[in-house]
């Protein structure tokens, strides 16, 4: 597996685990956990914001890595 593919697979794995973890937390079975207030907002809201921010960061890292690889 080349470096680009390995980096993309690792980034996708991290995001997938985080995304499905938050999705599971917001399911009916874990509604009490999702409702725990942290700094005035439910944990589910913080989880959703974390997913958005993580997606932006991973995308930025991926694009930076790909531009570095192409310039070599």
PDB file of N, CA and C in Angstrom:
ATOM      1  N   UNK A   1       0.862  -1.169   0.000  1.00  0.00           N
ATOM      2  CA  UNK A   1       0.000   0.000   0.000  1.00  0.00           C
ATOM      3  C   UNK A   1       0.910   1.234   0.000  1.00  0.00           C
ATOM      4  N   UNK A   2       0.642   2.181  -0.899  1.00  0.00           N
ATOM      5  CA  UNK A   2       1.482   3.366  -0.949  1.00  0.00           C
ATOM      6  C   UNK A   2       1.122   4.347   0.175  1.00  0.00           C
ATOM      7  N   UNK A   3       1.928   5.369   0.315  1.00  0.00           N
ATOM      8  CA  UNK A   3       1.774   6.311   1.441  1.00  0.00           C
ATOM      9  C   UNK A   3       0.467   7.083   1.388  1.00  0.00           C
ATOM     10  N   UNK A   4       0.038   7.480   0.179  1.00  0.00           N
ATOM     11  CA  UNK A   4      -1.216   8.225   0.054  1.00  0.00           C
ATOM     12  C   UNK A   4      -2.411   7.391   0.515  1.00  0.00           C
ATOM     13  N   UNK A   5      -2.443   6.168   0.070  1.00  0.00           N
ATOM     14  CA  UNK A   5      -3.552   5.283   0.423  1.00  0.00           C
ATOM     15  C   UNK A   5      -3.554   4.975   1.910  1.00  0.00           C
ATOM     16  N   UNK A   6      -2.385   4.741   2.477  1.00  0.00           N
ATOM     17  CA  UNK A   6      -2.292   4.443   3.904  1.00  0.00           C
ATOM     18  C   UNK A   6      -2.748   5.637   4.738  1.00  0.00           C
ATOM     19  N   UNK A   7      -2.314   6.832   4.373  1.00  0.00           N
ATOM     20  CA  UNK A   7      -2.725   8.044   5.095  1.00  0.00           C
ATOM     21  C   UNK A   7      -4.238   8.232   4.998  1.00  0.00           C
ATOM     22  N   UNK A   8      -4.797   8.056   3.792  1.00  0.00           N
ATOM     23  CA  UNK A   8      -6.235   8.217   3.599  1.00  0.00           C
ATOM     24  C   UNK A   8      -7.021   7.185   4.407  1.00  0.00           C
ATOM     25  N   UNK A   9      -6.522   5.949   4.455  1.00  0.00           N
ATOM     26  CA  UNK A   9      -7.216   4.893   5.204  1.00  0.00           C
ATOM     27  C   UNK A   9      -7.206   5.178   6.704  1.00  0.00           C
ATOM     28  N   UNK A  10      -6.085   5.667   7.204  1.00  0.00           N
ATOM     29  CA  UNK A  10      -5.998   5.990   8.632  1.00  0.00           C
ATOM     30  C   UNK A  10      -6.921   7.148   8.976  1.00  0.00           C
ATOM     31  N   UNK A  11      -6.927   8.194   8.145  1.00  0.00           N
ATOM     32  CA  UNK A  11      -7.802   9.346   8.385  1.00  0.00           C
ATOM     33  C   UNK A  11      -9.272   8.934   8.337  1.00  0.00           C
ATOM     34  N   UNK A  12      -9.623   8.102   7.361  1.00  0.00           N
ATOM     35  CA  UNK A  12     -10.999   7.625   7.255  1.00  0.00           C
ATOM     36  C   UNK A  12     -11.385   6.772   8.459  1.00  0.00           C
ATOM     37  N   UNK A  13     -10.477   5.945   8.927  1.00  0.00           N
ATOM     38  CA  UNK A  13     -10.751   5.094  10.091  1.00  0.00           C
ATOM     39  C   UNK A  13     -11.011   5.927  11.335  1.00  0.00           C
ATOM     40  N   UNK A  14     -10.190   6.937  11.556  1.00  0.00           N
ATOM     41  CA  UNK A  14     -10.368   7.812  12.719  1.00  0.00           C
ATOM     42  C   UNK A  14     -11.724   8.500  12.665  1.00  0.00           C
ATOM     43  N   UNK A  15     -12.045   9.058  11.509  1.00  0.00           N
ATOM     44  CA  UNK A  15     -13.312   9.770  11.372  1.00  0.00           C
ATOM     45  C   UNK A  15     -14.503   8.829  11.511  1.00  0.00           C
ATOM     46  N   UNK A  16     -14.405   7.638  10.946  1.00  0.00           N
ATOM     47  CA  UNK A  16     -15.501   6.676  11.013  1.00  0.00           C
ATOM     48  C   UNK A  16     -15.789   6.252  12.443  1.00  0.00           C
ATOM     49  N   UNK A  17     -14.744   5.950  13.197  1.00  0.00           N
ATOM     50  CA  UNK A  17     -14.932   5.541  14.595  1.00  0.00           C
ATOM     51  C   UNK A  17     -15.565   6.677  15.395  1.00  0.00           C
ATOM     52  N   UNK A  18     -15.068   7.890  15.196  1.00  0.00           N
ATOM     53  CA  UNK A  18     -15.614   9.042  15.909  1.00  0.00           C
ATOM     54  C   UNK A  18     -17.076   9.290  15.525  1.00  0.00           C
ATOM     55  N   UNK A  19     -17.363   9.245  14.230  1.00  0.00           N
ATOM     56  CA  UNK A  19     -18.719   9.504  13.746  1.00  0.00           C
ATOM     57  C   UNK A  19     -19.715   8.488  14.293  1.00  0.00           C
ATOM     58  N   UNK A  20     -19.386   7.208  14.165  1.00  0.00           N
ATOM     59  CA  UNK A  20     -20.325   6.191  14.634  1.00  0.00           C
ATOM     60  C   UNK A  20     -20.405   6.140  16.156  1.00  0.00           C
ATOM     61  N   UNK A  21     -19.342   6.540  16.831  1.00  0.00           N
ATOM     62  CA  UNK A  21     -19.403   6.649  18.292  1.00  0.00           C
ATOM     63  C   UNK A  21     -20.408   7.689  18.731  1.00  0.00           C
ATOM     64  N   UNK A  22     -20.374   8.844  18.089  1.00  0.00           N
ATOM     65  CA  UNK A  22     -21.337   9.904  18.423  1.00  0.00           C
ATOM     66  C   UNK A  22     -22.737   9.502  17.965  1.00  0.00           C
ATOM     67  N   UNK A  23     -22.847   8.864  16.804  1.00  0.00           N
ATOM     68  CA  UNK A  23     -24.160   8.407  16.339  1.00  0.00           C
ATOM     69  C   UNK A  23     -24.761   7.385  17.309  1.00  0.00           C
ATOM     70  N   UNK A  24     -23.939   6.493  17.814  1.00  0.00           N
ATOM     71  CA  UNK A  24     -24.420   5.513  18.788  1.00  0.00           C
ATOM     72  C   UNK A  24     -24.840   6.197  20.083  1.00  0.00           C
ATOM     73  N   UNK A  25     -24.068   7.196  20.499  1.00  0.00           N
ATOM     74  CA  UNK A  25     -24.392   7.914  21.732  1.00  0.00           C
ATOM     75  C   UNK A  25     -25.749   8.608  21.620  1.00  0.00           C
ATOM     76  N   UNK A  26     -26.109   9.066  20.442  1.00  0.00           N
ATOM     77  CA  UNK A  26     -27.380   9.773  20.283  1.00  0.00           C
ATOM     78  C   UNK A  26     -28.553   8.836  19.987  1.00  0.00           C
ATOM     79  N   UNK A  27     -28.308   7.531  19.996  1.00  0.00           N
ATOM     80  CA  UNK A  27     -29.403   6.583  19.770  1.00  0.00           C
ATOM     81  C   UNK A  27     -30.294   6.499  21.005  1.00  0.00           C
ATOM     82  N   UNK A  28     -31.434   5.881  20.847  1.00  0.00           N
ATOM     83  CA  UNK A  28     -32.412   5.792  21.934  1.00  0.00           C
ATOM     84  C   UNK A  28     -31.861   5.047  23.152  1.00  0.00           C
ATOM     85  N   UNK A  29     -31.011   4.073  22.908  1.00  0.00           N
ATOM     86  CA  UNK A  29     -30.483   3.282  24.021  1.00  0.00           C
ATOM     87  C   UNK A  29     -29.581   4.104  24.947  1.00  0.00           C
ATOM     88  N   UNK A  30     -28.940   5.117  24.401  1.00  0.00           N
ATOM     89  CA  UNK A  30     -28.010   5.921  25.185  1.00  0.00           C
ATOM     90  C   UNK A  30     -28.481   7.361  25.343  1.00  0.00           C
ATOM     91  N   UNK A  31     -29.785   7.584  25.306  1.00  0.00           N
ATOM     92  CA  UNK A  31     -30.315   8.946  25.376  1.00  0.00           C
ATOM     93  C   UNK A  31     -29.959   9.647  26.685  1.00  0.00           C
ATOM     94  N   UNK A  32     -29.821   8.883  27.773  1.00  0.00           N
ATOM     95  CA  UNK A  32     -29.453   9.502  29.047  1.00  0.00           C
ATOM     96  C   UNK A  32     -28.022  10.032  29.018  1.00  0.00           C
ATOM     97  N   UNK A  33     -27.140   9.319  28.347  1.00  0.00           N
ATOM     98  CA  UNK A  33     -25.754   9.787  28.212  1.00  0.00           C
ATOM     99  C   UNK A  33     -25.709  11.016  27.316  1.00  0.00           C
ATOM    100  N   UNK A  34     -26.459  11.004  26.229  1.00  0.00           N
ATOM    101  CA  UNK A  34     -26.469  12.129  25.296  1.00  0.00           C
ATOM    102  C   UNK A  34     -27.037  13.392  25.932  1.00  0.00           C
ATOM    103  N   UNK A  35     -27.868  13.233  26.957  1.00  0.00           N
ATOM    104  CA  UNK A  35     -28.504  14.380  27.597  1.00  0.00           C
ATOM    105  C   UNK A  35     -27.679  14.981  28.731  1.00  0.00           C
ATOM    106  N   UNK A  36     -26.535  14.409  29.051  1.00  0.00           N
ATOM    107  CA  UNK A  36     -25.694  14.941  30.136  1.00  0.00           C
ATOM    108  C   UNK A  36     -25.255  16.358  29.769  1.00  0.00           C
ATOM    109  N   UNK A  37     -25.565  17.325  30.637  1.00  0.00           N
ATOM    110  CA  UNK A  37     -25.164  18.705  30.308  1.00  0.00           C
ATOM    111  C   UNK A  37     -23.681  18.963  30.589  1.00  0.00           C
ATOM    112  N   UNK A  38     -23.030  19.567  29.606  1.00  0.00           N
ATOM    113  CA  UNK A  38     -21.634  19.978  29.744  1.00  0.00           C
ATOM    114  C   UNK A  38     -21.560  21.425  29.268  1.00  0.00           C
ATOM    115  N   UNK A  39     -21.166  22.318  30.143  1.00  0.00           N
ATOM    116  CA  UNK A  39     -21.074  23.754  29.840  1.00  0.00           C
ATOM    117  C   UNK A  39     -22.388  24.294  29.286  1.00  0.00           C
ATOM    118  N   UNK A  40     -23.499  23.797  29.803  1.00  0.00           N
ATOM    119  CA  UNK A  40     -24.803  24.306  29.425  1.00  0.00           C
ATOM    120  C   UNK A  40     -25.449  23.656  28.215  1.00  0.00           C
ATOM    121  N   UNK A  41     -24.731  22.784  27.519  1.00  0.00           N
ATOM    122  CA  UNK A  41     -25.288  22.096  26.350  1.00  0.00           C
ATOM    123  C   UNK A  41     -25.216  20.579  26.562  1.00  0.00           C
ATOM    124  N   UNK A  42     -26.162  19.852  25.970  1.00  0.00           N
ATOM    125  CA  UNK A  42     -26.101  18.384  26.084  1.00  0.00           C
ATOM    126  C   UNK A  42     -24.856  17.817  25.400  1.00  0.00           C
ATOM    127  N   UNK A  43     -24.415  16.694  25.886  1.00  0.00           N
ATOM    128  CA  UNK A  43     -23.232  16.030  25.327  1.00  0.00           C
ATOM    129  C   UNK A  43     -23.411  15.720  23.843  1.00  0.00           C
ATOM    130  N   UNK A  44     -24.628  15.440  23.423  1.00  0.00           N
ATOM    131  CA  UNK A  44     -24.887  15.135  22.010  1.00  0.00           C
ATOM    132  C   UNK A  44     -24.563  16.329  21.116  1.00  0.00           C
ATOM    133  N   UNK A  45     -24.855  17.532  21.576  1.00  0.00           N
ATOM    134  CA  UNK A  45     -24.530  18.739  20.798  1.00  0.00           C
ATOM    135  C   UNK A  45     -23.024  18.882  20.672  1.00  0.00           C
ATOM    136  N   UNK A  46     -22.302  18.688  21.768  1.00  0.00           N
ATOM    137  CA  UNK A  46     -20.839  18.763  21.733  1.00  0.00           C
ATOM    138  C   UNK A  46     -20.269  17.693  20.806  1.00  0.00           C
ATOM    139  N   UNK A  47     -20.863  16.510  20.827  1.00  0.00           N
ATOM    140  CA  UNK A  47     -20.422  15.446  19.930  1.00  0.00           C
ATOM    141  C   UNK A  47     -20.621  15.816  18.470  1.00  0.00           C
ATOM    142  N   UNK A  48     -21.752  16.407  18.152  1.00  0.00           N
ATOM    143  CA  UNK A  48     -22.010  16.846  16.784  1.00  0.00           C
ATOM    144  C   UNK A  48     -21.029  17.918  16.338  1.00  0.00           C
ATOM    145  N   UNK A  49     -20.753  18.861  17.213  1.00  0.00           N
ATOM    146  CA  UNK A  49     -19.769  19.900  16.883  1.00  0.00           C
ATOM    147  C   UNK A  49     -18.376  19.296  16.706  1.00  0.00           C
ATOM    148  N   UNK A  50     -18.064  18.309  17.517  1.00  0.00           N
ATOM    149  CA  UNK A  50     -16.768  17.640  17.402  1.00  0.00           C
ATOM    150  C   UNK A  50     -16.638  16.930  16.051  1.00  0.00           C
ATOM    151  N   UNK A  51     -17.716  16.331  15.589  1.00  0.00           N
ATOM    152  CA  UNK A  51     -17.711  15.658  14.289  1.00  0.00           C
ATOM    153  C   UNK A  51     -17.440  16.660  13.164  1.00  0.00           C
ATOM    154  N   UNK A  52     -18.096  17.808  13.212  1.00  0.00           N
ATOM    155  CA  UNK A  52     -17.902  18.829  12.176  1.00  0.00           C
ATOM    156  C   UNK A  52     -16.466  19.332  12.168  1.00  0.00           C
ATOM    157  N   UNK A  53     -15.949  19.679  13.339  1.00  0.00           N
ATOM    158  CA  UNK A  53     -14.581  20.198  13.443  1.00  0.00           C
ATOM    159  C   UNK A  53     -13.567  19.141  13.019  1.00  0.00           C
ATOM    160  N   UNK A  54     -13.763  17.914  13.444  1.00  0.00           N
ATOM    161  CA  UNK A  54     -12.851  16.833  13.072  1.00  0.00           C
ATOM    162  C   UNK A  54     -12.871  16.591  11.565  1.00  0.00           C
ATOM    163  N   UNK A  55     -14.031  16.657  10.956  1.00  0.00           N
ATOM    164  CA  UNK A  55     -14.123  16.498   9.509  1.00  0.00           C
ATOM    165  C   UNK A  55     -13.348  17.568   8.761  1.00  0.00           C
ATOM    166  N   UNK A  56     -13.444  18.804   9.223  1.00  0.00           N
ATOM    167  CA  UNK A  56     -12.705  19.899   8.598  1.00  0.00           C
ATOM    168  C   UNK A  56     -11.204  19.705   8.774  1.00  0.00           C
ATOM    169  N   UNK A  57     -10.783  19.333   9.972  1.00  0.00           N
ATOM    170  CA  UNK A  57      -9.352  19.143  10.242  1.00  0.00           C
ATOM    171  C   UNK A  57      -8.784  17.990   9.418  1.00  0.00           C
ATOM    172  N   UNK A  58      -9.484  16.873   9.370  1.00  0.00           N
ATOM    173  CA  UNK A  58      -8.996  15.718   8.606  1.00  0.00           C
ATOM    174  C   UNK A  58      -8.943  16.046   7.115  1.00  0.00           C
ATOM    175  N   UNK A  59      -9.955  16.753   6.615  1.00  0.00           N
ATOM    176  CA  UNK A  59      -9.937  17.147   5.206  1.00  0.00           C
ATOM    177  C   UNK A  59      -8.764  18.060   4.902  1.00  0.00           C
ATOM    178  N   UNK A  60      -8.516  19.011   5.784  1.00  0.00           N
ATOM    179  CA  UNK A  60      -7.389  19.938   5.593  1.00  0.00           C
ATOM    180  C   UNK A  60      -6.056  19.190   5.625  1.00  0.00           C
ATOM    181  N   UNK A  61      -5.887  18.279   6.576  1.00  0.00           N
ATOM    182  CA  UNK A  61      -4.658  17.489   6.647  1.00  0.00           C
ATOM    183  C   UNK A  61      -4.478  16.638   5.391  1.00  0.00           C
ATOM    184  N   UNK A  62      -5.566  16.053   4.908  1.00  0.00           N
ATOM    185  CA  UNK A  62      -5.498  15.210   3.717  1.00  0.00           C
ATOM    186  C   UNK A  62      -5.090  16.027   2.498  1.00  0.00           C
ATOM    187  N   UNK A  63      -5.707  17.176   2.306  1.00  0.00           N
ATOM    188  CA  UNK A  63      -5.379  18.012   1.157  1.00  0.00           C
ATOM    189  C   UNK A  63      -3.938  18.517   1.224  1.00  0.00           C
ATOM    190  N   UNK A  64      -3.491  18.859   2.430  1.00  0.00           N
ATOM    191  CA  UNK A  64      -2.105  19.309   2.597  1.00  0.00           C
ATOM    192  C   UNK A  64      -1.139  18.178   2.269  1.00  0.00           C
ATOM    193  N   UNK A  65      -1.426  16.984   2.756  1.00  0.00           N
ATOM    194  CA  UNK A  65      -0.564  15.825   2.504  1.00  0.00           C
ATOM    195  C   UNK A  65      -0.522  15.500   1.008  1.00  0.00           C
ATOM    196  N   UNK A  66      -1.660  15.567   0.339  1.00  0.00           N
ATOM    197  CA  UNK A  66      -1.698  15.247  -1.082  1.00  0.00           C
ATOM    198  C   UNK A  66      -0.947  16.301  -1.911  1.00  0.00           C
ATOM    199  N   UNK A  67      -1.033  17.568  -1.530  1.00  0.00           N
ATOM    200  CA  UNK A  67      -0.297  18.599  -2.267  1.00  0.00           C
ATOM    201  C   UNK A  67       1.213  18.460  -2.050  1.00  0.00           C
ATOM    202  N   UNK A  68       1.619  18.030  -0.852  1.00  0.00           N
ATOM    203  CA  UNK A  68       3.040  17.791  -0.585  1.00  0.00           C
ATOM    204  C   UNK A  68       3.553  16.602  -1.407  1.00  0.00           C
ATOM    205  N   UNK A  69       2.733  15.564  -1.509  1.00  0.00           N
ATOM    206  CA  UNK A  69       3.121  14.371  -2.277  1.00  0.00           C
ATOM    207  C   UNK A  69       3.235  14.698  -3.763  1.00  0.00           C
ATOM    208  N   UNK A  70       2.336  15.533  -4.279  1.00  0.00           N
ATOM    209  CA  UNK A  70       2.344  15.874  -5.693  1.00  0.00           C
ATOM    210  C   UNK A  70       3.521  16.780  -6.063  1.00  0.00           C
ATOM    211  N   UNK A  71       3.980  17.580  -5.109  1.00  0.00           N
ATOM    212  CA  UNK A  71       5.082  18.501  -5.393  1.00  0.00           C
ATOM    213  C   UNK A  71       6.445  17.799  -5.388  1.00  0.00           C
ATOM    214  N   UNK A  72       6.488  16.564  -4.888  1.00  0.00           N
ATOM    215  CA  UNK A  72       7.768  15.821  -4.842  1.00  0.00           C
ATOM    216  C   UNK A  72       8.109  15.235  -6.173  1.00  0.00           C
TER     217      UNK A  72
END
